[in-house]
Protein backbone atom coordinates (compact mmCIF):
# COMPACT_ATOMS: atom_id res chain seq x y z
CA MET A 1 365.68 173.56 171.03
CA ARG A 2 363.81 176.16 172.55
CA LYS A 3 361.28 174.75 174.84
CA ILE A 4 357.99 176.33 175.71
CA TYR A 5 355.42 176.36 179.10
CA ALA A 6 352.05 177.61 179.25
CA ILE A 7 351.78 177.42 182.63
CA GLY A 8 348.16 177.64 184.72
CA ILE A 9 348.58 179.65 187.88
CA GLY A 10 345.55 179.35 189.15
CA ALA A 11 342.22 182.46 189.59
CA GLY A 12 344.50 184.31 191.95
CA ASP A 13 345.56 182.97 194.78
CA PRO A 14 349.43 182.32 194.79
CA GLU A 15 348.25 179.39 196.33
CA HIS A 16 346.36 177.87 193.26
CA LEU A 17 349.85 176.92 192.18
CA THR A 18 349.87 172.87 191.82
CA VAL A 19 353.78 170.95 192.82
CA GLN A 20 353.75 170.08 189.03
CA ALA A 21 353.37 173.89 188.10
CA VAL A 22 355.82 174.92 191.01
CA ASP A 23 358.26 172.98 188.99
CA ARG A 24 358.12 173.69 185.96
CA LEU A 25 358.36 177.35 187.00
CA ASN A 26 361.87 176.25 188.31
CA ARG A 27 363.24 175.03 184.88
CA VAL A 28 362.31 178.59 182.99
CA ASP A 29 365.04 180.88 181.92
CA VAL A 30 362.77 183.61 180.47
CA PHE A 31 359.26 184.54 181.93
CA PHE A 32 356.87 186.27 178.96
CA VAL A 33 354.14 188.65 180.65
CA LEU A 34 351.85 190.50 179.06
CA ASP A 35 351.56 194.28 179.96
CA LYS A 36 347.82 195.14 179.49
CA GLY A 37 348.63 198.91 180.60
CA GLU A 38 348.15 200.46 184.40
CA GLU A 39 344.39 200.16 184.78
CA LYS A 40 345.65 196.03 184.96
CA ALA A 41 349.12 196.49 186.46
CA ASP A 42 348.05 194.11 189.47
CA LEU A 43 348.16 191.03 186.88
CA VAL A 44 351.47 191.57 186.44
CA ARG A 45 352.43 191.74 190.18
CA LEU A 46 350.60 188.65 190.78
CA ARG A 47 352.92 187.06 188.57
CA GLU A 48 355.82 188.50 189.92
CA GLU A 49 354.99 187.86 193.33
CA ILE A 50 354.19 183.96 192.04
CA LEU A 51 357.67 184.30 190.53
CA ASP A 52 359.57 185.69 193.92
CA ARG A 53 357.26 183.14 196.33
CA TYR A 54 358.47 179.72 194.23
CA VAL A 55 361.43 180.22 191.73
CA THR A 56 364.92 179.59 193.30
CA ARG A 57 367.08 179.88 190.39
CA PRO A 58 368.24 182.83 187.84
CA TYR A 59 365.60 184.33 185.51
CA ARG A 60 364.31 187.38 183.06
CA VAL A 61 361.13 188.71 182.97
CA VAL A 62 360.50 189.87 179.67
CA LEU A 63 356.97 192.22 179.62
CA VAL A 64 355.27 191.74 176.84
CA ALA A 65 352.64 195.01 175.34
CA ASP A 66 349.65 193.15 174.89
CA PRO A 67 348.09 194.58 171.36
CA PRO A 68 345.03 196.98 171.55
CA ARG A 69 341.51 194.78 171.21
CA ASP A 70 338.14 196.50 169.68
CA ARG A 71 335.81 196.29 172.70
CA LYS A 72 332.74 197.12 170.61
CA PRO A 73 333.28 195.53 167.48
CA ALA A 74 330.67 195.27 164.46
CA ASP A 75 331.80 191.37 164.01
CA TYR A 76 332.53 190.24 167.32
CA ARG A 77 334.80 187.23 165.60
CA ALA A 78 337.00 189.37 162.77
CA ALA A 79 337.91 191.05 165.65
CA VAL A 80 339.03 188.50 167.98
CA ALA A 81 340.42 187.20 164.51
CA ASP A 82 342.67 189.60 163.94
CA TRP A 83 343.36 190.37 167.34
CA HIS A 84 344.66 186.91 167.95
CA ALA A 85 347.08 187.25 165.17
CA ALA A 86 348.20 190.81 166.17
CA ARG A 87 349.43 188.46 169.81
CA ALA A 88 350.73 185.90 167.37
CA GLU A 89 353.00 188.14 165.94
CA VAL A 90 353.85 189.85 169.49
CA TYR A 91 354.83 186.15 170.36
CA GLU A 92 356.45 185.05 167.77
CA SER A 93 358.71 188.37 168.11
CA VAL A 94 359.51 188.31 171.45
CA ILE A 95 360.24 184.49 171.27
CA LEU A 96 362.87 185.06 168.82
CA SER A 97 364.60 187.89 170.31
CA SER A 98 364.55 187.14 174.25
CA LEU A 99 365.50 183.40 174.02
CA ALA A 100 368.12 181.68 172.89
CA GLU A 101 368.10 177.99 171.46
CA SER A 102 369.00 176.54 174.35
CA GLN A 103 367.03 178.21 176.75
CA THR A 104 363.07 177.41 177.74
CA GLY A 105 360.69 180.11 178.08
CA ALA A 106 357.07 180.70 179.60
CA PHE A 107 353.75 182.11 179.46
CA LEU A 108 352.03 182.30 182.73
CA VAL A 109 348.23 181.58 182.52
CA TRP A 110 345.58 183.34 184.40
CA GLY A 111 343.34 180.24 185.63
CA ASP A 112 343.75 176.96 183.20
CA PRO A 113 345.06 177.51 180.24
CA SER A 114 342.37 174.99 178.53
CA LEU A 115 339.89 177.21 179.62
CA TYR A 116 338.63 180.40 177.59
CA ASP A 117 342.08 181.58 177.11
CA SER A 118 343.89 182.00 173.97
CA THR A 119 347.69 181.00 174.36
CA ILE A 120 347.42 177.12 172.95
CA ALA A 121 346.34 178.55 169.92
CA LEU A 122 348.77 180.85 169.75
CA ILE A 123 351.58 179.12 170.54
CA GLU A 124 349.85 176.98 167.88
CA THR A 125 349.92 179.94 165.27
CA VAL A 126 353.38 180.64 166.12
CA LEU A 127 354.88 177.15 165.22
CA ALA A 128 352.70 177.09 162.06
CA ARG A 129 354.18 180.27 160.73
CA GLY A 130 357.72 178.53 160.64
CA ARG A 131 359.81 181.27 161.69
CA VAL A 132 360.73 180.03 164.74
CA THR A 133 360.48 175.92 166.41
CA PHE A 134 360.09 174.98 169.76
CA GLU A 135 358.84 172.32 172.01
CA TYR A 136 355.88 173.52 174.18
CA GLU A 137 353.83 172.00 177.33
CA VAL A 138 350.92 172.73 178.96
CA ILE A 139 350.61 172.89 182.89
CA PRO A 140 346.98 172.93 183.99
CA GLY A 141 345.86 175.33 186.55
CA ILE A 142 342.99 175.61 189.05
CA SER A 143 340.48 177.23 186.85
CA SER A 144 338.34 180.03 187.82
CA ILE A 145 334.70 178.01 187.80
CA SER A 146 336.36 175.37 190.17
CA ALA A 147 337.29 178.28 192.45
CA LEU A 148 334.50 179.63 192.17
CA VAL A 149 332.03 176.90 193.62
CA ALA A 150 334.69 176.07 195.68
CA ARG A 151 334.50 179.66 197.82
CA HIS A 152 330.95 179.18 197.73
CA ARG A 153 330.66 176.10 198.84
CA THR A 154 329.06 174.01 196.39
CA THR A 155 329.63 171.54 193.11
CA MET A 156 329.84 172.49 189.81
CA ASN A 157 326.92 169.87 188.98
CA GLN A 158 323.75 168.27 190.40
CA ILE A 159 323.72 164.64 190.50
CA GLY A 160 323.05 162.76 187.24
CA ARG A 161 322.89 166.24 185.39
CA ALA A 162 324.64 167.98 182.46
CA VAL A 163 326.83 171.00 183.14
CA GLN A 164 327.56 173.66 180.15
CA LEU A 165 330.20 176.52 180.30
CA THR A 166 328.97 179.46 178.17
CA THR A 167 329.71 182.93 177.75
CA GLY A 168 326.86 185.67 178.15
CA ARG A 169 326.87 186.44 174.36
CA LEU A 170 325.66 182.86 173.98
CA LEU A 171 323.66 183.10 177.18
CA ALA A 172 321.69 186.10 175.98
CA THR A 173 320.29 183.57 172.43
CA GLY A 174 318.41 181.62 175.49
CA TRP A 175 319.21 179.15 178.51
CA PRO A 176 321.14 175.82 176.89
CA PRO A 177 318.43 172.41 176.14
CA ASP A 178 318.61 170.05 178.67
CA VAL A 179 321.28 171.52 181.19
CA ASP A 180 320.68 172.57 184.51
CA ASP A 181 323.81 174.49 186.00
CA VAL A 182 325.71 177.07 183.40
CA PHE A 183 328.29 178.31 184.24
CA VAL A 184 329.04 181.65 182.58
CA LEU A 185 332.22 183.68 181.87
CA LEU A 186 333.10 186.30 179.70
CA ASP A 187 329.88 188.47 180.09
CA ALA A 188 330.66 192.15 180.47
CA HIS A 189 326.75 192.73 180.20
CA THR A 190 324.94 190.62 182.97
CA THR A 191 322.95 188.39 181.19
CA PHE A 192 321.84 186.92 184.36
CA ASP A 193 318.94 190.27 184.08
CA ARG A 194 317.35 188.21 181.83
CA TYR A 195 316.51 185.26 183.89
CA THR A 196 315.10 186.34 187.25
CA SER A 197 311.94 185.07 186.75
CA HIS A 198 313.08 181.19 186.25
CA ASP A 199 313.93 180.06 189.19
CA LEU A 200 317.41 180.22 189.72
CA THR A 201 319.80 180.13 191.91
CA ILE A 202 323.38 182.54 191.08
CA TYR A 203 326.70 181.80 192.24
CA TRP A 204 328.26 184.90 191.77
CA GLY A 205 332.23 186.22 192.64
CA ALA A 206 334.64 188.20 191.11
CA TYR A 207 338.50 188.73 191.33
CA VAL A 208 338.02 185.41 193.18
CA GLY A 209 341.10 184.09 195.52
CA THR A 210 342.72 187.78 195.92
CA PRO A 211 342.28 190.10 198.54
CA ASP A 212 339.95 191.82 196.73
CA GLU A 213 337.48 189.08 196.59
CA ILE A 214 333.77 189.56 196.34
CA LEU A 215 331.26 186.51 196.60
CA ILE A 216 327.01 186.83 196.29
CA SER A 217 324.59 184.46 195.68
CA GLY A 218 320.94 183.51 196.73
CA PRO A 219 317.85 183.02 194.55
CA LEU A 220 317.60 184.67 191.37
CA THR A 221 315.45 187.82 192.29
CA PRO A 222 315.45 191.28 190.91
CA ALA A 223 316.59 192.21 193.55
CA LEU A 224 319.54 190.28 193.88
CA ALA A 225 320.31 190.95 190.05
CA THR A 226 320.46 194.35 191.02
CA LYS A 227 323.23 194.45 193.93
CA ILE A 228 325.28 191.90 191.89
CA ARG A 229 325.13 194.28 188.43
CA GLU A 230 325.76 197.23 191.27
CA THR A 231 328.29 196.05 192.89
CA ARG A 232 330.21 194.48 189.76
CA THR A 233 330.12 198.17 188.14
CA ALA A 234 331.57 199.67 191.18
CA ALA A 235 334.09 197.56 191.17
CA ARG A 236 335.33 197.99 188.49
CA GLU A 237 335.29 201.10 188.43
CA HIS A 238 337.69 200.99 191.64
CA HIS A 239 339.77 198.82 189.64
CA GLY A 240 339.91 199.13 186.64
CA TRP A 241 339.58 196.10 185.44
CA ILE A 242 337.27 193.15 186.72
CA MET A 243 337.38 189.21 186.21
CA ASP A 244 333.94 187.77 187.53
CA THR A 245 332.25 184.11 186.56
CA TYR A 246 329.35 182.77 187.77
CA LEU A 247 327.25 179.75 188.04
CA LEU A 248 323.26 179.58 187.52
CA ARG A 249 321.48 176.73 189.11
CA ARG A 250 317.98 175.69 188.39
CA PRO A 251 315.94 172.60 189.96
CA THR A 252 316.29 169.15 188.71
CA PRO A 253 313.13 167.43 187.85
């Protein structure tokens, strides 16, 4: 039977890979790599660098064109559902066409497959469709939030206090109740701008773990919010893409 690995490869540094991840890389015959176009070619190159560095057996790389996505939908959930359905069809097709019955394939997942990533759900969708069968295993990786707090030399939480992971879209609806530390992912609209009067500290990072890493932290004043927003805009224009994450922290009672 075919086997698939979803391997977490960390937040950008090839040295983020775990010993377990390296072991599984060296069991793989075919690596499926999503091609998101020229603007995000760096993401493909990093995966190629990881394979060159760690894999010692013969393998093939199959580039998979990522289906287009509506970035400004009227109905966000419906647009994401449509995009995931299109991705599942692509995954199913490439597994059937490029992976023999006795072979092992892998998807190299940025960060950790369990955190704001669709790979596990897509694999389950492919299995549920019933056209192809395989076993699969998930290999955890260093997440963007783990890398962020490590690079800022801080912790995820304050003693005895809760942590919440959320999106900019949800943070825009209000500060989560009974939480002092909030990690924000997938925020293209710099929602932290709304909280400059809340006595917060921000730990922001982009391209964490890569040579292009940018780190900014401090009390979330209007001036610092402006600096982060302008830095983010300039970096995105320069690279054509950006992956950034931030932690908002308020003092404990």
